[in-house]
Amino acid sequence: MNTANAGLWINALDRVENLMDEYADAVTAYHFYEGYDSRRLLAICEEVADLLSKIAGWLQDDAREIRGTAEFWRSQLRHD
């Protein structure tokens, strides 16, 4: 199995986690009428959505590859 995508989506998830922390801080500032940046909140939401879409695609690719590997092993069982 190819684990190249695993590193990609793990790094992307780390980035999402950091962004969500930043988002939570910004929303807290918004609720307390402190200095908040609506543009930054929007940018965070868009970046998180983009990253999650990429992760979903990578996971689908990985799932297809693993299904193919499972099919190979299934065929080997037929020959045993």
C-alpha atoms as a PDB file:
ATOM      1  CA  MET A   1       0.000   0.000   0.000  1.00  0.00           C
ATOM      2  CA  ASN A   2       1.199   3.478  -0.824  1.00  0.00           C
ATOM      3  CA  THR A   3       1.273   5.715   2.232  1.00  0.00           C
ATOM      4  CA  ALA A   4       2.319   8.899   0.413  1.00  0.00           C
ATOM      5  CA  ASN A   5      -1.131  10.434   0.794  1.00  0.00           C
ATOM      6  CA  ALA A   6      -1.155   9.699   4.524  1.00  0.00           C
ATOM      7  CA  GLY A   7       1.537  12.315   5.093  1.00  0.00           C
ATOM      8  CA  LEU A   8      -0.385  14.818   2.999  1.00  0.00           C
ATOM      9  CA  TRP A   9      -3.639  14.448   4.864  1.00  0.00           C
ATOM     10  CA  ILE A  10      -1.985  14.281   8.287  1.00  0.00           C
ATOM     11  CA  ASN A  11      -0.210  17.593   7.574  1.00  0.00           C
ATOM     12  CA  ALA A  12      -3.443  19.070   6.241  1.00  0.00           C
ATOM     13  CA  LEU A  13      -5.321  17.959   9.373  1.00  0.00           C
ATOM     14  CA  ASP A  14      -2.667  19.622  11.530  1.00  0.00           C
ATOM     15  CA  ARG A  15      -3.172  22.833   9.551  1.00  0.00           C
ATOM     16  CA  VAL A  16      -6.963  22.538   9.957  1.00  0.00           C
ATOM     17  CA  GLU A  17      -6.530  22.104  13.718  1.00  0.00           C
ATOM     18  CA  ASN A  18      -4.372  25.225  13.929  1.00  0.00           C
ATOM     19  CA  LEU A  19      -6.855  27.200  11.844  1.00  0.00           C
ATOM     20  CA  MET A  20      -9.767  26.064  13.993  1.00  0.00           C
ATOM     21  CA  ASP A  21      -7.914  27.268  17.108  1.00  0.00           C
ATOM     22  CA  GLU A  22      -7.337  30.619  15.416  1.00  0.00           C
ATOM     23  CA  TYR A  23     -10.994  30.711  14.392  1.00  0.00           C
ATOM     24  CA  ALA A  24     -12.156  30.001  17.958  1.00  0.00           C
ATOM     25  CA  ASP A  25     -10.011  32.863  19.254  1.00  0.00           C
ATOM     26  CA  ALA A  26     -11.362  35.222  16.603  1.00  0.00           C
ATOM     27  CA  VAL A  27     -14.980  34.258  17.323  1.00  0.00           C
ATOM     28  CA  THR A  28     -14.396  34.845  21.039  1.00  0.00           C
ATOM     29  CA  ALA A  29     -13.072  38.302  20.210  1.00  0.00           C
ATOM     30  CA  TYR A  30     -16.168  38.889  18.060  1.00  0.00           C
ATOM     31  CA  HIS A  31     -18.506  37.938  20.902  1.00  0.00           C
ATOM     32  CA  PHE A  32     -16.728  40.278  23.297  1.00  0.00           C
ATOM     33  CA  TYR A  33     -16.702  43.096  20.716  1.00  0.00           C
ATOM     34  CA  GLU A  34     -12.937  43.128  20.795  1.00  0.00           C
ATOM     35  CA  GLY A  35     -10.749  43.572  17.757  1.00  0.00           C
ATOM     36  CA  TYR A  36     -11.779  40.932  15.268  1.00  0.00           C
ATOM     37  CA  ASP A  37     -11.270  40.696  11.539  1.00  0.00           C
ATOM     38  CA  SER A  38     -14.235  39.511   9.466  1.00  0.00           C
ATOM     39  CA  ARG A  39     -11.994  39.038   6.452  1.00  0.00           C
ATOM     40  CA  ARG A  40      -9.718  36.752   8.439  1.00  0.00           C
ATOM     41  CA  LEU A  41     -12.700  34.739   9.711  1.00  0.00           C
ATOM     42  CA  LEU A  42     -13.887  34.303   6.130  1.00  0.00           C
ATOM     43  CA  ALA A  43     -10.392  33.329   4.957  1.00  0.00           C
ATOM     44  CA  ILE A  44     -10.102  30.734   7.729  1.00  0.00           C
ATOM     45  CA  CYS A  45     -13.471  29.197   6.799  1.00  0.00           C
ATOM     46  CA  GLU A  46     -12.516  29.028   3.135  1.00  0.00           C
ATOM     47  CA  GLU A  47      -9.094  27.531   3.817  1.00  0.00           C
ATOM     48  CA  VAL A  48     -10.528  24.916   6.185  1.00  0.00           C
ATOM     49  CA  ALA A  49     -13.180  23.968   3.612  1.00  0.00           C
ATOM     50  CA  ASP A  50     -10.513  23.675   0.887  1.00  0.00           C
ATOM     51  CA  LEU A  51      -8.256  21.558   3.081  1.00  0.00           C
ATOM     52  CA  LEU A  52     -11.089  19.249   4.120  1.00  0.00           C
ATOM     53  CA  SER A  53     -12.049  18.798   0.459  1.00  0.00           C
ATOM     54  CA  LYS A  54      -8.461  17.869  -0.385  1.00  0.00           C
ATOM     55  CA  ILE A  55      -8.295  15.445   2.533  1.00  0.00           C
ATOM     56  CA  ALA A  56     -11.548  13.822   1.403  1.00  0.00           C
ATOM     57  CA  GLY A  57     -10.116  13.369  -2.092  1.00  0.00           C
ATOM     58  CA  TRP A  58      -6.883  11.874  -0.794  1.00  0.00           C
ATOM     59  CA  LEU A  59      -8.818   9.498   1.451  1.00  0.00           C
ATOM     60  CA  GLN A  60     -10.980   8.398  -1.486  1.00  0.00           C
ATOM     61  CA  ASP A  61      -7.826   7.756  -3.528  1.00  0.00           C
ATOM     62  CA  ASP A  62      -6.359   5.744  -0.643  1.00  0.00           C
ATOM     63  CA  ALA A  63      -9.588   3.770  -0.227  1.00  0.00           C
ATOM     64  CA  ARG A  64      -9.609   2.858  -3.956  1.00  0.00           C
ATOM     65  CA  GLU A  65      -5.990   1.763  -3.758  1.00  0.00           C
ATOM     66  CA  ILE A  66      -6.586  -0.339  -0.659  1.00  0.00           C
ATOM     67  CA  ARG A  67      -9.647  -1.949  -2.267  1.00  0.00           C
ATOM     68  CA  GLY A  68      -7.442  -2.850  -5.230  1.00  0.00           C
ATOM     69  CA  THR A  69      -4.863  -4.363  -2.886  1.00  0.00           C
ATOM     70  CA  ALA A  70      -7.588  -6.317  -1.101  1.00  0.00           C
ATOM     71  CA  GLU A  71      -8.792  -7.650  -4.457  1.00  0.00           C
ATOM     72  CA  PHE A  72      -5.262  -8.823  -5.224  1.00  0.00           C
ATOM     73  CA  TRP A  73      -5.119 -10.707  -1.912  1.00  0.00           C
ATOM     74  CA  ARG A  74      -8.605 -12.116  -2.513  1.00  0.00           C
ATOM     75  CA  SER A  75      -7.401 -13.501  -5.846  1.00  0.00           C
ATOM     76  CA  GLN A  76      -4.384 -15.045  -4.113  1.00  0.00           C
ATOM     77  CA  LEU A  77      -6.710 -16.865  -1.731  1.00  0.00           C
ATOM     78  CA  ARG A  78      -8.478 -18.415  -4.715  1.00  0.00           C
ATOM     79  CA  HIS A  79      -5.150 -19.851  -5.917  1.00  0.00           C
ATOM     80  CA  ASP A  80      -4.091 -21.283  -2.544  1.00  0.00           C
END
